PDB file of N, CA and C in Angstrom:
ATOM      1  N   MET A   1       0.847  -1.184   0.000  1.00  0.00           N
ATOM      2  CA  MET A   1       0.000   0.000   0.000  1.00  0.00           C
ATOM      3  C   MET A   1       0.897   1.254   0.000  1.00  0.00           C
ATOM      4  N   GLU A   2       0.558   2.188  -0.868  1.00  0.00           N
ATOM      5  CA  GLU A   2       1.319   3.437  -0.991  1.00  0.00           C
ATOM      6  C   GLU A   2       1.096   4.347   0.219  1.00  0.00           C
ATOM      7  N   PRO A   3       2.099   5.151   0.594  1.00  0.00           N
ATOM      8  CA  PRO A   3       1.880   6.145   1.645  1.00  0.00           C
ATOM      9  C   PRO A   3       0.789   7.131   1.238  1.00  0.00           C
ATOM     10  N   ALA A   4       0.065   7.653   2.214  1.00  0.00           N
ATOM     11  CA  ALA A   4      -0.945   8.680   1.934  1.00  0.00           C
ATOM     12  C   ALA A   4      -0.267   9.941   1.406  1.00  0.00           C
ATOM     13  N   VAL A   5       0.852  10.305   2.022  1.00  0.00           N
ATOM     14  CA  VAL A   5       1.658  11.458   1.586  1.00  0.00           C
ATOM     15  C   VAL A   5       3.122  11.075   1.717  1.00  0.00           C
ATOM     16  N   GLN A   6       3.887  11.378   0.690  1.00  0.00           N
ATOM     17  CA  GLN A   6       5.333  11.163   0.746  1.00  0.00           C
ATOM     18  C   GLN A   6       6.022  12.399   0.194  1.00  0.00           C
ATOM     19  N   ILE A   7       6.922  12.945   0.980  1.00  0.00           N
ATOM     20  CA  ILE A   7       7.670  14.142   0.605  1.00  0.00           C
ATOM     21  C   ILE A   7       9.144  13.796   0.613  1.00  0.00           C
ATOM     22  N   ASP A   8       9.835  14.158  -0.466  1.00  0.00           N
ATOM     23  CA  ASP A   8      11.265  13.888  -0.583  1.00  0.00           C
ATOM     24  C   ASP A   8      12.011  15.151  -0.965  1.00  0.00           C
ATOM     25  N   ARG A   9      13.006  15.503  -0.158  1.00  0.00           N
ATOM     26  CA  ARG A   9      13.938  16.614  -0.425  1.00  0.00           C
ATOM     27  C   ARG A   9      13.220  17.923  -0.782  1.00  0.00           C
ATOM     28  N   LEU A  10      12.128  18.228  -0.100  1.00  0.00           N
ATOM     29  CA  LEU A  10      11.314  19.397  -0.432  1.00  0.00           C
ATOM     30  C   LEU A  10      11.954  20.677   0.104  1.00  0.00           C
ATOM     31  N   THR A  11      12.024  21.673  -0.761  1.00  0.00           N
ATOM     32  CA  THR A  11      12.579  22.975  -0.402  1.00  0.00           C
ATOM     33  C   THR A  11      11.678  24.069  -0.953  1.00  0.00           C
ATOM     34  N   LYS A  12      11.424  25.070  -0.117  1.00  0.00           N
ATOM     35  CA  LYS A  12      10.662  26.251  -0.542  1.00  0.00           C
ATOM     36  C   LYS A  12      11.329  27.469   0.053  1.00  0.00           C
ATOM     37  N   GLU A  13      11.703  28.407  -0.803  1.00  0.00           N
ATOM     38  CA  GLU A  13      12.353  29.645  -0.375  1.00  0.00           C
ATOM     39  C   GLU A  13      11.471  30.837  -0.710  1.00  0.00           C
ATOM     40  N   PHE A  14      11.558  31.842   0.135  1.00  0.00           N
ATOM     41  CA  PHE A  14      10.904  33.120  -0.111  1.00  0.00           C
ATOM     42  C   PHE A  14      11.964  34.206  -0.134  1.00  0.00           C
ATOM     43  N   THR A  15      11.714  35.255  -0.911  1.00  0.00           N
ATOM     44  CA  THR A  15      12.643  36.377  -0.978  1.00  0.00           C
ATOM     45  C   THR A  15      12.089  37.530  -0.156  1.00  0.00           C
ATOM     46  N   ARG A  16      12.891  38.012   0.771  1.00  0.00           N
ATOM     47  CA  ARG A  16      12.499  39.177   1.567  1.00  0.00           C
ATOM     48  C   ARG A  16      12.581  40.432   0.724  1.00  0.00           C
ATOM     49  N   ARG A  17      12.013  41.495   1.230  1.00  0.00           N
ATOM     50  CA  ARG A  17      12.038  42.779   0.503  1.00  0.00           C
ATOM     51  C   ARG A  17      13.449  43.278   0.251  1.00  0.00           C
ATOM     52  N   ASP A  18      14.367  42.918   1.159  1.00  0.00           N
ATOM     53  CA  ASP A  18      15.751  43.366   0.979  1.00  0.00           C
ATOM     54  C   ASP A  18      16.539  42.445   0.046  1.00  0.00           C
ATOM     55  N   GLY A  19      15.878  41.416  -0.507  1.00  0.00           N
ATOM     56  CA  GLY A  19      16.512  40.532  -1.468  1.00  0.00           C
ATOM     57  C   GLY A  19      17.115  39.266  -0.878  1.00  0.00           C
ATOM     58  N   THR A  20      17.165  39.149   0.429  1.00  0.00           N
ATOM     59  CA  THR A  20      17.728  37.944   1.036  1.00  0.00           C
ATOM     60  C   THR A  20      16.722  36.794   0.943  1.00  0.00           C
ATOM     61  N   LEU A  21      17.256  35.588   0.836  1.00  0.00           N
ATOM     62  CA  LEU A  21      16.416  34.390   0.749  1.00  0.00           C
ATOM     63  C   LEU A  21      16.193  33.787   2.129  1.00  0.00           C
ATOM     64  N   VAL A  22      14.967  33.308   2.334  1.00  0.00           N
ATOM     65  CA  VAL A  22      14.611  32.613   3.572  1.00  0.00           C
ATOM     66  C   VAL A  22      14.089  31.238   3.182  1.00  0.00           C
ATOM     67  N   LYS A  23      14.685  30.191   3.742  1.00  0.00           N
ATOM     68  CA  LYS A  23      14.210  28.833   3.470  1.00  0.00           C
ATOM     69  C   LYS A  23      13.109  28.488   4.464  1.00  0.00           C
ATOM     70  N   ALA A  24      11.874  28.461   3.969  1.00  0.00           N
ATOM     71  CA  ALA A  24      10.744  28.092   4.819  1.00  0.00           C
ATOM     72  C   ALA A  24      10.707  26.577   5.012  1.00  0.00           C
ATOM     73  N   ILE A  25      11.110  25.842   3.973  1.00  0.00           N
ATOM     74  CA  ILE A  25      11.241  24.384   4.030  1.00  0.00           C
ATOM     75  C   ILE A  25      12.615  24.057   3.474  1.00  0.00           C
ATOM     76  N   ASP A  26      13.400  23.317   4.224  1.00  0.00           N
ATOM     77  CA  ASP A  26      14.795  23.063   3.847  1.00  0.00           C
ATOM     78  C   ASP A  26      15.071  21.565   3.730  1.00  0.00           C
ATOM     79  N   ASP A  27      14.928  21.029   2.522  1.00  0.00           N
ATOM     80  CA  ASP A  27      15.280  19.637   2.236  1.00  0.00           C
ATOM     81  C   ASP A  27      14.512  18.659   3.129  1.00  0.00           C
ATOM     82  N   ALA A  28      13.191  18.845   3.215  1.00  0.00           N
ATOM     83  CA  ALA A  28      12.350  18.053   4.127  1.00  0.00           C
ATOM     84  C   ALA A  28      11.945  16.712   3.510  1.00  0.00           C
ATOM     85  N   ASP A  29      11.907  15.701   4.364  1.00  0.00           N
ATOM     86  CA  ASP A  29      11.395  14.377   4.021  1.00  0.00           C
ATOM     87  C   ASP A  29      10.290  14.034   5.008  1.00  0.00           C
ATOM     88  N   LEU A  30       9.225  13.403   4.519  1.00  0.00           N
ATOM     89  CA  LEU A  30       8.109  13.016   5.382  1.00  0.00           C
ATOM     90  C   LEU A  30       7.340  11.886   4.714  1.00  0.00           C
ATOM     91  N   VAL A  31       6.943  10.883   5.500  1.00  0.00           N
ATOM     92  CA  VAL A  31       6.073   9.818   5.013  1.00  0.00           C
ATOM     93  C   VAL A  31       4.914   9.701   5.989  1.00  0.00           C
ATOM     94  N   VAL A  32       3.692   9.807   5.457  1.00  0.00           N
ATOM     95  CA  VAL A  32       2.477   9.635   6.243  1.00  0.00           C
ATOM     96  C   VAL A  32       1.755   8.417   5.682  1.00  0.00           C
ATOM     97  N   GLU A  33       1.608   7.395   6.501  1.00  0.00           N
ATOM     98  CA  GLU A  33       0.953   6.163   6.068  1.00  0.00           C
ATOM     99  C   GLU A  33      -0.568   6.325   6.118  1.00  0.00           C
ATOM    100  N   PRO A  34      -1.302   5.549   5.319  1.00  0.00           N
ATOM    101  CA  PRO A  34      -2.769   5.614   5.362  1.00  0.00           C
ATOM    102  C   PRO A  34      -3.286   5.358   6.777  1.00  0.00           C
ATOM    103  N   GLY A  35      -4.204   6.195   7.221  1.00  0.00           N
ATOM    104  CA  GLY A  35      -4.785   6.060   8.555  1.00  0.00           C
ATOM    105  C   GLY A  35      -3.939   6.642   9.671  1.00  0.00           C
ATOM    106  N   GLU A  36      -2.747   7.079   9.359  1.00  0.00           N
ATOM    107  CA  GLU A  36      -1.857   7.654  10.378  1.00  0.00           C
ATOM    108  C   GLU A  36      -2.278   9.087  10.683  1.00  0.00           C
ATOM    109  N   PHE A  37      -2.162   9.468  11.928  1.00  0.00           N
ATOM    110  CA  PHE A  37      -2.503  10.816  12.394  1.00  0.00           C
ATOM    111  C   PHE A  37      -1.197  11.546  12.666  1.00  0.00           C
ATOM    112  N   VAL A  38      -0.991  12.688  12.020  1.00  0.00           N
ATOM    113  CA  VAL A  38       0.266  13.429  12.129  1.00  0.00           C
ATOM    114  C   VAL A  38      -0.020  14.838  12.618  1.00  0.00           C
ATOM    115  N   VAL A  39       0.818  15.311  13.523  1.00  0.00           N
ATOM    116  CA  VAL A  39       0.715  16.668  14.048  1.00  0.00           C
ATOM    117  C   VAL A  39       2.024  17.390  13.755  1.00  0.00           C
ATOM    118  N   LEU A  40       1.938  18.594  13.222  1.00  0.00           N
ATOM    119  CA  LEU A  40       3.126  19.420  13.002  1.00  0.00           C
ATOM    120  C   LEU A  40       3.224  20.429  14.135  1.00  0.00           C
ATOM    121  N   LEU A  41       4.323  20.398  14.847  1.00  0.00           N
ATOM    122  CA  LEU A  41       4.546  21.318  15.960  1.00  0.00           C
ATOM    123  C   LEU A  41       5.794  22.137  15.707  1.00  0.00           C
ATOM    124  N   GLY A  42       5.755  23.375  16.133  1.00  0.00           N
ATOM    125  CA  GLY A  42       6.929  24.228  16.009  1.00  0.00           C
ATOM    126  C   GLY A  42       6.542  25.674  16.224  1.00  0.00           C
ATOM    127  N   PRO A  43       7.562  26.503  16.409  1.00  0.00           N
ATOM    128  CA  PRO A  43       7.292  27.917  16.650  1.00  0.00           C
ATOM    129  C   PRO A  43       6.767  28.622  15.402  1.00  0.00           C
ATOM    130  N   SER A  44       6.177  29.761  15.611  1.00  0.00           N
ATOM    131  CA  SER A  44       5.688  30.585  14.520  1.00  0.00           C
ATOM    132  C   SER A  44       6.829  30.868  13.544  1.00  0.00           C
ATOM    133  N   GLY A  45       6.552  30.687  12.259  1.00  0.00           N
ATOM    134  CA  GLY A  45       7.543  30.993  11.241  1.00  0.00           C
ATOM    135  C   GLY A  45       8.472  29.856  10.879  1.00  0.00           C
ATOM    136  N   CYS A  46       8.230  28.656  11.418  1.00  0.00           N
ATOM    137  CA  CYS A  46       9.165  27.551  11.152  1.00  0.00           C
ATOM    138  C   CYS A  46       8.827  26.763   9.883  1.00  0.00           C
ATOM    139  N   GLY A  47       7.681  27.042   9.236  1.00  0.00           N
ATOM    140  CA  GLY A  47       7.373  26.397   7.964  1.00  0.00           C
ATOM    141  C   GLY A  47       6.227  25.413   7.981  1.00  0.00           C
ATOM    142  N   LYS A  48       5.509  25.296   9.092  1.00  0.00           N
ATOM    143  CA  LYS A  48       4.388  24.336   9.179  1.00  0.00           C
ATOM    144  C   LYS A  48       3.322  24.622   8.127  1.00  0.00           C
ATOM    145  N   THR A  49       2.854  25.842   8.076  1.00  0.00           N
ATOM    146  CA  THR A  49       1.809  26.214   7.124  1.00  0.00           C
ATOM    147  C   THR A  49       2.327  26.130   5.695  1.00  0.00           C
ATOM    148  N   THR A  50       3.555  26.533   5.465  1.00  0.00           N
ATOM    149  CA  THR A  50       4.128  26.448   4.119  1.00  0.00           C
ATOM    150  C   THR A  50       4.174  25.004   3.653  1.00  0.00           C
ATOM    151  N   LEU A  51       4.539  24.088   4.535  1.00  0.00           N
ATOM    152  CA  LEU A  51       4.557  22.669   4.176  1.00  0.00           C
ATOM    153  C   LEU A  51       3.161  22.191   3.784  1.00  0.00           C
ATOM    154  N   LEU A  52       2.156  22.528   4.582  1.00  0.00           N
ATOM    155  CA  LEU A  52       0.785  22.126   4.265  1.00  0.00           C
ATOM    156  C   LEU A  52       0.308  22.756   2.965  1.00  0.00           C
ATOM    157  N   ARG A  53       0.658  24.010   2.741  1.00  0.00           N
ATOM    158  CA  ARG A  53       0.254  24.694   1.509  1.00  0.00           C
ATOM    159  C   ARG A  53       0.913  24.070   0.277  1.00  0.00           C
ATOM    160  N   THR A  54       2.147  23.580   0.403  1.00  0.00           N
ATOM    161  CA  THR A  54       2.795  22.922  -0.735  1.00  0.00           C
ATOM    162  C   THR A  54       2.130  21.579  -1.034  1.00  0.00           C
ATOM    163  N   ILE A  55       1.753  20.846   0.012  1.00  0.00           N
ATOM    164  CA  ILE A  55       1.063  19.566  -0.193  1.00  0.00           C
ATOM    165  C   ILE A  55      -0.277  19.804  -0.898  1.00  0.00           C
ATOM    166  N   ALA A  56      -0.995  20.830  -0.476  1.00  0.00           N
ATOM    167  CA  ALA A  56      -2.304  21.148  -1.069  1.00  0.00           C
ATOM    168  C   ALA A  56      -2.183  21.760  -2.461  1.00  0.00           C
ATOM    169  N   GLY A  57      -0.997  22.252  -2.814  1.00  0.00           N
ATOM    170  CA  GLY A  57      -0.795  22.871  -4.119  1.00  0.00           C
ATOM    171  C   GLY A  57      -1.015  24.370  -4.126  1.00  0.00           C
ATOM    172  N   LEU A  58      -1.137  24.967  -2.949  1.00  0.00           N
ATOM    173  CA  LEU A  58      -1.347  26.409  -2.852  1.00  0.00           C
ATOM    174  C   LEU A  58      -0.040  27.194  -2.906  1.00  0.00           C
ATOM    175  N   GLU A  59       1.070  26.525  -2.686  1.00  0.00           N
ATOM    176  CA  GLU A  59       2.414  27.083  -2.869  1.00  0.00           C
ATOM    177  C   GLU A  59       3.182  26.109  -3.745  1.00  0.00           C
ATOM    178  N   THR A  60       4.044  26.620  -4.604  1.00  0.00           N
ATOM    179  CA  THR A  60       4.865  25.764  -5.448  1.00  0.00           C
ATOM    180  C   THR A  60       6.261  25.663  -4.837  1.00  0.00           C
ATOM    181  N   PRO A  61       6.689  24.450  -4.493  1.00  0.00           N
ATOM    182  CA  PRO A  61       8.044  24.286  -3.944  1.00  0.00           C
ATOM    183  C   PRO A  61       9.094  24.642  -4.992  1.00  0.00           C
ATOM    184  N   ASP A  62      10.306  24.871  -4.534  1.00  0.00           N
ATOM    185  CA  ASP A  62      11.408  25.148  -5.446  1.00  0.00           C
ATOM    186  C   ASP A  62      12.075  23.855  -5.916  1.00  0.00           C
ATOM    187  N   ARG A  63      12.148  22.880  -5.008  1.00  0.00           N
ATOM    188  CA  ARG A  63      12.788  21.604  -5.330  1.00  0.00           C
ATOM    189  C   ARG A  63      12.119  20.486  -4.550  1.00  0.00           C
ATOM    190  N   GLY A  64      12.296  19.259  -5.053  1.00  0.00           N
ATOM    191  CA  GLY A  64      11.825  18.088  -4.337  1.00  0.00           C
ATOM    192  C   GLY A  64      10.665  17.408  -5.021  1.00  0.00           C
ATOM    193  N   GLN A  65       9.990  16.547  -4.239  1.00  0.00           N
ATOM    194  CA  GLN A  65       8.889  15.761  -4.779  1.00  0.00           C
ATOM    195  C   GLN A  65       7.813  15.577  -3.710  1.00  0.00           C
ATOM    196  N   ILE A  66       6.554  15.623  -4.164  1.00  0.00           N
ATOM    197  CA  ILE A  66       5.394  15.335  -3.301  1.00  0.00           C
ATOM    198  C   ILE A  66       4.555  14.293  -4.018  1.00  0.00           C
ATOM    199  N   ARG A  67       4.248  13.203  -3.296  1.00  0.00           N
ATOM    200  CA  ARG A  67       3.367  12.162  -3.822  1.00  0.00           C
ATOM    201  C   ARG A  67       2.187  12.020  -2.873  1.00  0.00           C
ATOM    202  N   VAL A  68       0.984  11.910  -3.435  1.00  0.00           N
ATOM    203  CA  VAL A  68      -0.238  11.729  -2.651  1.00  0.00           C
ATOM    204  C   VAL A  68      -0.892  10.440  -3.131  1.00  0.00           C
ATOM    205  N   SER A  69      -1.012   9.472  -2.234  1.00  0.00           N
ATOM    206  CA  SER A  69      -1.591   8.162  -2.557  1.00  0.00           C
ATOM    207  C   SER A  69      -0.929   7.534  -3.780  1.00  0.00           C
ATOM    208  N   GLY A  70       0.392   7.660  -3.858  1.00  0.00           N
ATOM    209  CA  GLY A  70       1.144   7.053  -4.950  1.00  0.00           C
ATOM    210  C   GLY A  70       1.242   7.876  -6.215  1.00  0.00           C
ATOM    211  N   LYS A  71       0.531   8.995  -6.283  1.00  0.00           N
ATOM    212  CA  LYS A  71       0.542   9.842  -7.480  1.00  0.00           C
ATOM    213  C   LYS A  71       1.455  11.046  -7.246  1.00  0.00           C
ATOM    214  N   THR A  72       2.373  11.282  -8.162  1.00  0.00           N
ATOM    215  CA  THR A  72       3.241  12.446  -8.067  1.00  0.00           C
ATOM    216  C   THR A  72       2.435  13.697  -8.374  1.00  0.00           C
ATOM    217  N   VAL A  73       2.354  14.620  -7.400  1.00  0.00           N
ATOM    218  CA  VAL A  73       1.627  15.872  -7.615  1.00  0.00           C
ATOM    219  C   VAL A  73       2.585  17.052  -7.782  1.00  0.00           C
ATOM    220  N   PHE A  74       3.854  16.845  -7.371  1.00  0.00           N
ATOM    221  CA  PHE A  74       4.900  17.830  -7.638  1.00  0.00           C
ATOM    222  C   PHE A  74       6.229  17.104  -7.741  1.00  0.00           C
ATOM    223  N   SER A  75       6.986  17.441  -8.767  1.00  0.00           N
ATOM    224  CA  SER A  75       8.355  16.965  -8.895  1.00  0.00           C
ATOM    225  C   SER A  75       9.157  17.984  -9.678  1.00  0.00           C
ATOM    226  N   SER A  76      10.191  18.525  -9.040  1.00  0.00           N
ATOM    227  CA  SER A  76      11.040  19.479  -9.748  1.00  0.00           C
ATOM    228  C   SER A  76      11.869  18.768 -10.815  1.00  0.00           C
ATOM    229  N   ASP A  77      12.307  17.535 -10.537  1.00  0.00           N
ATOM    230  CA  ASP A  77      13.115  16.788 -11.506  1.00  0.00           C
ATOM    231  C   ASP A  77      12.310  16.369 -12.725  1.00  0.00           C
ATOM    232  N   GLU A  78      11.073  15.918 -12.518  1.00  0.00           N
ATOM    233  CA  GLU A  78      10.222  15.438 -13.609  1.00  0.00           C
ATOM    234  C   GLU A  78       9.341  16.544 -14.198  1.00  0.00           C
ATOM    235  N   ARG A  79       9.429  17.737 -13.629  1.00  0.00           N
ATOM    236  CA  ARG A  79       8.626  18.885 -14.071  1.00  0.00           C
ATOM    237  C   ARG A  79       7.126  18.585 -14.009  1.00  0.00           C
ATOM    238  N   VAL A  80       6.692  18.076 -12.851  1.00  0.00           N
ATOM    239  CA  VAL A  80       5.284  17.768 -12.620  1.00  0.00           C
ATOM    240  C   VAL A  80       4.731  18.785 -11.635  1.00  0.00           C
ATOM    241  N   LEU A  81       3.586  19.373 -11.959  1.00  0.00           N
ATOM    242  CA  LEU A  81       2.891  20.281 -11.049  1.00  0.00           C
ATOM    243  C   LEU A  81       1.392  20.111 -11.272  1.00  0.00           C
ATOM    244  N   VAL A  82       0.760  19.323 -10.401  1.00  0.00           N
ATOM    245  CA  VAL A  82      -0.671  19.068 -10.478  1.00  0.00           C
ATOM    246  C   VAL A  82      -1.402  20.209  -9.763  1.00  0.00           C
ATOM    247  N   THR A  83      -2.447  20.729 -10.374  1.00  0.00           N
ATOM    248  CA  THR A  83      -3.195  21.845  -9.791  1.00  0.00           C
ATOM    249  C   THR A  83      -3.871  21.415  -8.484  1.00  0.00           C
ATOM    250  N   PRO A  84      -4.138  22.369  -7.585  1.00  0.00           N
ATOM    251  CA  PRO A  84      -4.818  22.032  -6.327  1.00  0.00           C
ATOM    252  C   PRO A  84      -6.137  21.294  -6.547  1.00  0.00           C
ATOM    253  N   SER A  85      -6.895  21.687  -7.550  1.00  0.00           N
ATOM    254  CA  SER A  85      -8.207  21.067  -7.786  1.00  0.00           C
ATOM    255  C   SER A  85      -8.098  19.607  -8.230  1.00  0.00           C
ATOM    256  N   GLN A  86      -6.935  19.205  -8.721  1.00  0.00           N
ATOM    257  CA  GLN A  86      -6.737  17.832  -9.182  1.00  0.00           C
ATOM    258  C   GLN A  86      -6.053  16.946  -8.140  1.00  0.00           C
ATOM    259  N   ARG A  87      -5.765  17.463  -6.954  1.00  0.00           N
ATOM    260  CA  ARG A  87      -5.045  16.698  -5.930  1.00  0.00           C
ATOM    261  C   ARG A  87      -5.955  15.906  -5.011  1.00  0.00           C
ATOM    262  N   ASN A  88      -7.243  16.126  -5.056  1.00  0.00           N
ATOM    263  CA  ASN A  88      -8.210  15.408  -4.222  1.00  0.00           C
ATOM    264  C   ASN A  88      -7.879  15.558  -2.733  1.00  0.00           C
ATOM    265  N   LEU A  89      -7.527  16.761  -2.348  1.00  0.00           N
ATOM    266  CA  LEU A  89      -7.202  17.106  -0.961  1.00  0.00           C
ATOM    267  C   LEU A  89      -8.026  18.314  -0.551  1.00  0.00           C
ATOM    268  N   SER A  90      -8.122  18.516   0.743  1.00  0.00           N
ATOM    269  CA  SER A  90      -8.696  19.764   1.234  1.00  0.00           C
ATOM    270  C   SER A  90      -7.864  20.228   2.411  1.00  0.00           C
ATOM    271  N   MET A  91      -8.026  21.487   2.751  1.00  0.00           N
ATOM    272  CA  MET A  91      -7.239  22.069   3.828  1.00  0.00           C
ATOM    273  C   MET A  91      -8.149  22.970   4.642  1.00  0.00           C
ATOM    274  N   MET A  92      -8.156  22.787   5.938  1.00  0.00           N
ATOM    275  CA  MET A  92      -8.939  23.631   6.835  1.00  0.00           C
ATOM    276  C   MET A  92      -7.979  24.667   7.411  1.00  0.00           C
ATOM    277  N   PHE A  93      -8.227  25.924   7.118  1.00  0.00           N
ATOM    278  CA  PHE A  93      -7.353  26.982   7.585  1.00  0.00           C
ATOM    279  C   PHE A  93      -7.599  27.274   9.059  1.00  0.00           C
ATOM    280  N   GLN A  94      -6.592  27.838   9.701  1.00  0.00           N
ATOM    281  CA  GLN A  94      -6.672  28.111  11.135  1.00  0.00           C
ATOM    282  C   GLN A  94      -7.734  29.151  11.451  1.00  0.00           C
ATOM    283  N   SER A  95      -7.831  30.175  10.645  1.00  0.00           N
ATOM    284  CA  SER A  95      -8.827  31.208  10.908  1.00  0.00           C
ATOM    285  C   SER A  95      -9.099  32.018   9.641  1.00  0.00           C
ATOM    286  N   TYR A  96     -10.213  32.693   9.639  1.00  0.00           N
ATOM    287  CA  TYR A  96     -10.593  33.663   8.609  1.00  0.00           C
ATOM    288  C   TYR A  96     -10.828  33.081   7.221  1.00  0.00           C
ATOM    289  N   ALA A  97     -10.775  31.777   7.055  1.00  0.00           N
ATOM    290  CA  ALA A  97     -11.039  31.206   5.745  1.00  0.00           C
ATOM    291  C   ALA A  97     -12.256  30.284   5.791  1.00  0.00           C
ATOM    292  N   LEU A  98     -13.060  30.429   6.816  1.00  0.00           N
ATOM    293  CA  LEU A  98     -14.260  29.629   6.940  1.00  0.00           C
ATOM    294  C   LEU A  98     -15.444  30.383   6.330  1.00  0.00           C
ATOM    295  N   TRP A  99     -16.441  29.626   5.878  1.00  0.00           N
ATOM    296  CA  TRP A  99     -17.659  30.251   5.412  1.00  0.00           C
ATOM    297  C   TRP A  99     -18.401  30.756   6.649  1.00  0.00           C
ATOM    298  N   PRO A 100     -18.594  32.068   6.786  1.00  0.00           N
ATOM    299  CA  PRO A 100     -19.191  32.608   8.010  1.00  0.00           C
ATOM    300  C   PRO A 100     -20.661  32.233   8.210  1.00  0.00           C
ATOM    301  N   HIS A 101     -21.345  31.872   7.135  1.00  0.00           N
ATOM    302  CA  HIS A 101     -22.763  31.518   7.241  1.00  0.00           C
ATOM    303  C   HIS A 101     -22.969  30.038   7.560  1.00  0.00           C
ATOM    304  N   MET A 102     -21.877  29.265   7.689  1.00  0.00           N
ATOM    305  CA  MET A 102     -21.984  27.829   7.965  1.00  0.00           C
ATOM    306  C   MET A 102     -21.479  27.509   9.365  1.00  0.00           C
ATOM    307  N   THR A 103     -21.993  26.437   9.918  1.00  0.00           N
ATOM    308  CA  THR A 103     -21.478  25.938  11.197  1.00  0.00           C
ATOM    309  C   THR A 103     -20.101  25.315  10.961  1.00  0.00           C
ATOM    310  N   VAL A 104     -19.384  25.031  12.040  1.00  0.00           N
ATOM    311  CA  VAL A 104     -18.087  24.359  11.918  1.00  0.00           C
ATOM    312  C   VAL A 104     -18.268  23.025  11.202  1.00  0.00           C
ATOM    313  N   ARG A 105     -19.284  22.264  11.607  1.00  0.00           N
ATOM    314  CA  ARG A 105     -19.555  20.969  10.978  1.00  0.00           C
ATOM    315  C   ARG A 105     -19.758  21.127   9.473  1.00  0.00           C
ATOM    316  N   ASN A 106     -20.537  22.116   9.073  1.00  0.00           N
ATOM    317  CA  ASN A 106     -20.805  22.310   7.649  1.00  0.00           C
ATOM    318  C   ASN A 106     -19.572  22.804   6.899  1.00  0.00           C
ATOM    319  N   ASN A 107     -18.705  23.581   7.545  1.00  0.00           N
ATOM    320  CA  ASN A 107     -17.449  23.995   6.924  1.00  0.00           C
ATOM    321  C   ASN A 107     -16.550  22.795   6.665  1.00  0.00           C
ATOM    322  N   VAL A 108     -16.505  21.852   7.599  1.00  0.00           N
ATOM    323  CA  VAL A 108     -15.698  20.646   7.415  1.00  0.00           C
ATOM    324  C   VAL A 108     -16.337  19.736   6.369  1.00  0.00           C
ATOM    325  N   ARG A 109     -17.643  19.629   6.379  1.00  0.00           N
ATOM    326  CA  ARG A 109     -18.376  18.752   5.471  1.00  0.00           C
ATOM    327  C   ARG A 109     -18.322  19.237   4.021  1.00  0.00           C
ATOM    328  N   TYR A 110     -18.354  20.550   3.804  1.00  0.00           N
ATOM    329  CA  TYR A 110     -18.470  21.118   2.454  1.00  0.00           C
ATOM    330  C   TYR A 110     -17.439  20.575   1.460  1.00  0.00           C
ATOM    331  N   PRO A 111     -16.127  20.636   1.749  1.00  0.00           N
ATOM    332  CA  PRO A 111     -15.183  20.131   0.741  1.00  0.00           C
ATOM    333  C   PRO A 111     -15.286  18.627   0.528  1.00  0.00           C
ATOM    334  N   LEU A 112     -15.679  17.902   1.554  1.00  0.00           N
ATOM    335  CA  LEU A 112     -15.807  16.445   1.415  1.00  0.00           C
ATOM    336  C   LEU A 112     -16.976  16.075   0.512  1.00  0.00           C
ATOM    337  N   GLU A 113     -18.062  16.815   0.626  1.00  0.00           N
ATOM    338  CA  GLU A 113     -19.235  16.528  -0.199  1.00  0.00           C
ATOM    339  C   GLU A 113     -19.114  17.074  -1.620  1.00  0.00           C
ATOM    340  N   ASN A 114     -18.278  18.089  -1.813  1.00  0.00           N
ATOM    341  CA  ASN A 114     -18.195  18.749  -3.112  1.00  0.00           C
ATOM    342  C   ASN A 114     -16.908  18.470  -3.884  1.00  0.00           C
ATOM    343  N   ARG A 115     -16.107  17.551  -3.389  1.00  0.00           N
ATOM    344  CA  ARG A 115     -14.863  17.233  -4.097  1.00  0.00           C
ATOM    345  C   ARG A 115     -15.178  16.418  -5.335  1.00  0.00           C
ATOM    346  N   ARG A 116     -14.237  16.480  -6.276  1.00  0.00           N
ATOM    347  CA  ARG A 116     -14.368  15.691  -7.486  1.00  0.00           C
ATOM    348  C   ARG A 116     -13.728  14.340  -7.246  1.00  0.00           C
ATOM    349  N   ALA A 117     -14.405  13.291  -7.606  1.00  0.00           N
ATOM    350  CA  ALA A 117     -13.876  11.927  -7.381  1.00  0.00           C
ATOM    351  C   ALA A 117     -12.794  11.578  -8.371  1.00  0.00           C
TER     352      ALA A 117
END
């Protein structure tokens, strides 16, 4: 059985206004098995959200590979970049990205019921 998520040598850099580079993700590796529960812990600014955004396809990594359920959704070597809508994933943001007219339950339910199979 393929890992639910597999990340190899993932790197994402941002450029500050002064031109200096900041590595938000630095050569990261991660394997999440099906049914496994994973928690990302760390101080503010350490790259947790950037990592999740790259998996979801909301940020494009600079280097490395991301596989979801055995399918390559990003590879710098193979020049693969699958759009967020084609990744069959959803992401619940920490705040301010919820539908204000829906309950928490309905916000969680919405992407699951409306995803493309």
